[in-house]
Amino acid sequence: MAATYTAGASARDNVRLLIADTDATNAVFEDEELDALLVLESSNVLRTAAMALETIASSQVQVLKVIRLMDLTTDGAAVSRELRARAAALRARADELEAAEDDGAFDVAEMTVNHFSWRDQVYNQALREL
């Protein structure tokens, strides 16, 4: 298993960019792992990046906890909170983009049964486009 990165070359590389995992020699995720996350999130780059950050956050909590050694202090819980906040922001952005694509996921279908209702429908459509 290996890790590769070329800016903007693929969905996997865009995920790496969003999670700041761009150093291929010291990568957090292998290519196959990111590909698996992309499958789990239906190839949505923002949602995949959020899931990757959540994975890192849970790993940080397990490994680092709070460590004080001489003048050095690490706080895995604080790092985890920041990563989860970034993941939540990415998921919110993905929701916004999906809502914009669906135009609010709400549409109106008007039926015309005669000339008068057709004229009303044309008038209403013109009002909606203003």
C-alpha atoms as a PDB file:
ATOM      1  CA  MET A   1       0.000   0.000   0.000  1.00  0.00           C
ATOM      2  CA  ALA A   2       1.223   3.443  -0.866  1.00  0.00           C
ATOM      3  CA  ALA A   3       0.170   7.036  -0.689  1.00  0.00           C
ATOM      4  CA  THR A   4       0.329   9.386  -3.654  1.00  0.00           C
ATOM      5  CA  TYR A   5      -0.653  13.010  -4.096  1.00  0.00           C
ATOM      6  CA  THR A   6      -0.983  15.237  -7.128  1.00  0.00           C
ATOM      7  CA  ALA A   7      -2.971  18.412  -6.462  1.00  0.00           C
ATOM      8  CA  GLY A   8      -6.425  18.203  -8.000  1.00  0.00           C
ATOM      9  CA  ALA A   9      -5.698  15.102 -10.083  1.00  0.00           C
ATOM     10  CA  SER A  10      -8.479  12.963  -8.604  1.00  0.00           C
ATOM     11  CA  ALA A  11     -11.197  12.837  -5.979  1.00  0.00           C
ATOM     12  CA  ARG A  12      -8.733  11.072  -3.659  1.00  0.00           C
ATOM     13  CA  ASP A  13      -6.215  13.903  -4.075  1.00  0.00           C
ATOM     14  CA  ASN A  14      -8.908  16.487  -3.345  1.00  0.00           C
ATOM     15  CA  VAL A  15      -9.749  14.611  -0.140  1.00  0.00           C
ATOM     16  CA  ARG A  16      -6.057  14.630   0.789  1.00  0.00           C
ATOM     17  CA  LEU A  17      -5.969  18.387   0.179  1.00  0.00           C
ATOM     18  CA  LEU A  18      -8.992  19.012   2.430  1.00  0.00           C
ATOM     19  CA  ILE A  19      -7.589  16.946   5.304  1.00  0.00           C
ATOM     20  CA  ALA A  20      -4.031  18.316   4.906  1.00  0.00           C
ATOM     21  CA  ASP A  21      -2.597  14.872   4.157  1.00  0.00           C
ATOM     22  CA  THR A  22      -0.496  15.995   1.199  1.00  0.00           C
ATOM     23  CA  ASP A  23       2.933  14.699   2.246  1.00  0.00           C
ATOM     24  CA  ALA A  24       3.037  11.337   0.459  1.00  0.00           C
ATOM     25  CA  THR A  25       6.092  10.155   2.407  1.00  0.00           C
ATOM     26  CA  ASN A  26       4.343  10.615   5.785  1.00  0.00           C
ATOM     27  CA  ALA A  27       0.719  10.120   4.775  1.00  0.00           C
ATOM     28  CA  VAL A  28      -1.944   9.460   7.383  1.00  0.00           C
ATOM     29  CA  PHE A  29      -4.044   7.425   4.925  1.00  0.00           C
ATOM     30  CA  GLU A  30      -2.974   5.017   2.225  1.00  0.00           C
ATOM     31  CA  ASP A  31      -4.568   5.431  -1.218  1.00  0.00           C
ATOM     32  CA  GLU A  32      -6.663   2.295  -0.745  1.00  0.00           C
ATOM     33  CA  GLU A  33      -8.035   3.579   2.555  1.00  0.00           C
ATOM     34  CA  LEU A  34      -9.147   6.858   0.997  1.00  0.00           C
ATOM     35  CA  ASP A  35     -10.660   4.950  -1.916  1.00  0.00           C
ATOM     36  CA  ALA A  36     -12.657   2.865   0.578  1.00  0.00           C
ATOM     37  CA  LEU A  37     -13.873   6.028   2.323  1.00  0.00           C
ATOM     38  CA  LEU A  38     -14.888   7.483  -1.044  1.00  0.00           C
ATOM     39  CA  VAL A  39     -16.970   4.367  -1.693  1.00  0.00           C
ATOM     40  CA  LEU A  40     -18.616   4.644   1.734  1.00  0.00           C
ATOM     41  CA  GLU A  41     -19.532   8.286   1.070  1.00  0.00           C
ATOM     42  CA  SER A  42     -20.730   7.739  -2.528  1.00  0.00           C
ATOM     43  CA  SER A  43     -17.717   9.577  -4.009  1.00  0.00           C
ATOM     44  CA  ASN A  44     -18.667  12.862  -2.311  1.00  0.00           C
ATOM     45  CA  VAL A  45     -15.308  14.545  -1.696  1.00  0.00           C
ATOM     46  CA  LEU A  46     -16.492  16.826   1.116  1.00  0.00           C
ATOM     47  CA  ARG A  47     -18.253  14.035   3.000  1.00  0.00           C
ATOM     48  CA  THR A  48     -15.269  11.726   2.511  1.00  0.00           C
ATOM     49  CA  ALA A  49     -12.918  14.381   3.900  1.00  0.00           C
ATOM     50  CA  ALA A  50     -15.251  14.802   6.880  1.00  0.00           C
ATOM     51  CA  MET A  51     -15.228  11.045   7.519  1.00  0.00           C
ATOM     52  CA  ALA A  52     -11.423  10.964   7.237  1.00  0.00           C
ATOM     53  CA  LEU A  53     -11.118  13.804   9.770  1.00  0.00           C
ATOM     54  CA  GLU A  54     -13.502  12.000  12.127  1.00  0.00           C
ATOM     55  CA  THR A  55     -11.371   8.873  11.774  1.00  0.00           C
ATOM     56  CA  ILE A  56      -8.237  10.833  12.626  1.00  0.00           C
ATOM     57  CA  ALA A  57     -10.049  12.487  15.552  1.00  0.00           C
ATOM     58  CA  SER A  58     -11.019   9.163  17.089  1.00  0.00           C
ATOM     59  CA  SER A  59      -7.457   7.938  16.607  1.00  0.00           C
ATOM     60  CA  GLN A  60      -6.069  11.067  18.319  1.00  0.00           C
ATOM     61  CA  VAL A  61      -8.263  10.474  21.359  1.00  0.00           C
ATOM     62  CA  GLN A  62      -7.143   6.851  21.625  1.00  0.00           C
ATOM     63  CA  VAL A  63      -3.429   7.544  21.183  1.00  0.00           C
ATOM     64  CA  LEU A  64      -2.596  10.947  22.634  1.00  0.00           C
ATOM     65  CA  LYS A  65      -4.997  11.635  25.482  1.00  0.00           C
ATOM     66  CA  VAL A  66      -3.341  14.363  27.601  1.00  0.00           C
ATOM     67  CA  ILE A  67       0.405  14.011  28.016  1.00  0.00           C
ATOM     68  CA  ARG A  68       2.722  16.328  29.942  1.00  0.00           C
ATOM     69  CA  LEU A  69       6.425  15.704  29.679  1.00  0.00           C
ATOM     70  CA  MET A  70       8.819  18.383  30.906  1.00  0.00           C
ATOM     71  CA  ASP A  71       7.855  21.520  28.912  1.00  0.00           C
ATOM     72  CA  LEU A  72       5.870  19.609  26.269  1.00  0.00           C
ATOM     73  CA  THR A  73       2.114  19.119  26.524  1.00  0.00           C
ATOM     74  CA  THR A  74      -0.157  17.327  24.072  1.00  0.00           C
ATOM     75  CA  ASP A  75      -3.927  17.316  24.306  1.00  0.00           C
ATOM     76  CA  GLY A  76      -5.491  14.672  22.101  1.00  0.00           C
ATOM     77  CA  ALA A  77      -9.009  15.638  23.165  1.00  0.00           C
ATOM     78  CA  ALA A  78      -8.501  19.249  22.003  1.00  0.00           C
ATOM     79  CA  VAL A  79      -7.068  18.081  18.684  1.00  0.00           C
ATOM     80  CA  SER A  80     -10.012  15.721  18.319  1.00  0.00           C
ATOM     81  CA  ARG A  81     -12.520  18.540  18.972  1.00  0.00           C
ATOM     82  CA  GLU A  82     -10.931  20.714  16.294  1.00  0.00           C
ATOM     83  CA  LEU A  83     -10.909  17.876  13.773  1.00  0.00           C
ATOM     84  CA  ARG A  84     -14.555  17.074  14.498  1.00  0.00           C
ATOM     85  CA  ALA A  85     -15.470  20.754  14.131  1.00  0.00           C
ATOM     86  CA  ARG A  86     -13.752  20.834  10.728  1.00  0.00           C
ATOM     87  CA  ALA A  87     -15.566  17.637   9.744  1.00  0.00           C
ATOM     88  CA  ALA A  88     -18.904  19.186  10.760  1.00  0.00           C
ATOM     89  CA  ALA A  89     -18.114  22.264   8.664  1.00  0.00           C
ATOM     90  CA  LEU A  90     -17.319  20.081   5.642  1.00  0.00           C
ATOM     91  CA  ARG A  91     -20.564  18.143   6.078  1.00  0.00           C
ATOM     92  CA  ALA A  92     -22.531  21.407   6.344  1.00  0.00           C
ATOM     93  CA  ARG A  93     -20.898  22.647   3.128  1.00  0.00           C
ATOM     94  CA  ALA A  94     -21.772  19.374   1.393  1.00  0.00           C
ATOM     95  CA  ASP A  95     -25.386  19.802   2.554  1.00  0.00           C
ATOM     96  CA  GLU A  96     -25.455  23.358   1.177  1.00  0.00           C
ATOM     97  CA  LEU A  97     -24.113  22.246  -2.195  1.00  0.00           C
ATOM     98  CA  GLU A  98     -26.586  19.366  -2.420  1.00  0.00           C
ATOM     99  CA  ALA A  99     -29.483  21.661  -1.514  1.00  0.00           C
ATOM    100  CA  ALA A 100     -28.377  24.122  -4.191  1.00  0.00           C
ATOM    101  CA  GLU A 101     -28.193  21.319  -6.766  1.00  0.00           C
ATOM    102  CA  ASP A 102     -31.674  20.148  -5.848  1.00  0.00           C
ATOM    103  CA  ASP A 103     -32.929  23.740  -5.754  1.00  0.00           C
ATOM    104  CA  GLY A 104     -34.298  23.101  -2.298  1.00  0.00           C
ATOM    105  CA  ALA A 105     -35.618  19.643  -3.315  1.00  0.00           C
ATOM    106  CA  PHE A 106     -39.053  21.139  -3.876  1.00  0.00           C
ATOM    107  CA  ASP A 107     -40.817  21.775  -7.145  1.00  0.00           C
ATOM    108  CA  VAL A 108     -44.263  22.814  -8.262  1.00  0.00           C
ATOM    109  CA  ALA A 109     -46.259  21.082 -10.957  1.00  0.00           C
ATOM    110  CA  GLU A 110     -49.280  22.942 -12.201  1.00  0.00           C
ATOM    111  CA  MET A 111     -51.924  21.298 -14.302  1.00  0.00           C
ATOM    112  CA  THR A 112     -53.849  23.174 -16.951  1.00  0.00           C
ATOM    113  CA  VAL A 113     -57.293  21.928 -17.933  1.00  0.00           C
ATOM    114  CA  ASN A 114     -58.466  24.782 -20.136  1.00  0.00           C
ATOM    115  CA  HIS A 115     -57.345  28.012 -21.741  1.00  0.00           C
ATOM    116  CA  PHE A 116     -57.968  30.064 -18.595  1.00  0.00           C
ATOM    117  CA  SER A 117     -55.920  27.838 -16.289  1.00  0.00           C
ATOM    118  CA  TRP A 118     -53.140  27.769 -18.909  1.00  0.00           C
ATOM    119  CA  ARG A 119     -53.109  31.588 -18.970  1.00  0.00           C
ATOM    120  CA  ASP A 120     -52.932  31.630 -15.144  1.00  0.00           C
ATOM    121  CA  GLN A 121     -50.082  29.140 -15.205  1.00  0.00           C
ATOM    122  CA  VAL A 122     -48.087  31.266 -17.678  1.00  0.00           C
ATOM    123  CA  TYR A 123     -48.740  34.381 -15.562  1.00  0.00           C
ATOM    124  CA  ASN A 124     -47.687  32.591 -12.338  1.00  0.00           C
ATOM    125  CA  GLN A 125     -44.514  31.302 -13.959  1.00  0.00           C
ATOM    126  CA  ALA A 126     -43.608  34.813 -15.083  1.00  0.00           C
ATOM    127  CA  LEU A 127     -44.107  36.051 -11.511  1.00  0.00           C
ATOM    128  CA  ARG A 128     -41.842  33.309 -10.113  1.00  0.00           C
ATOM    129  CA  GLU A 129     -39.038  34.301 -12.483  1.00  0.00           C
ATOM    130  CA  LEU A 130     -38.974  37.943 -11.349  1.00  0.00           C
END
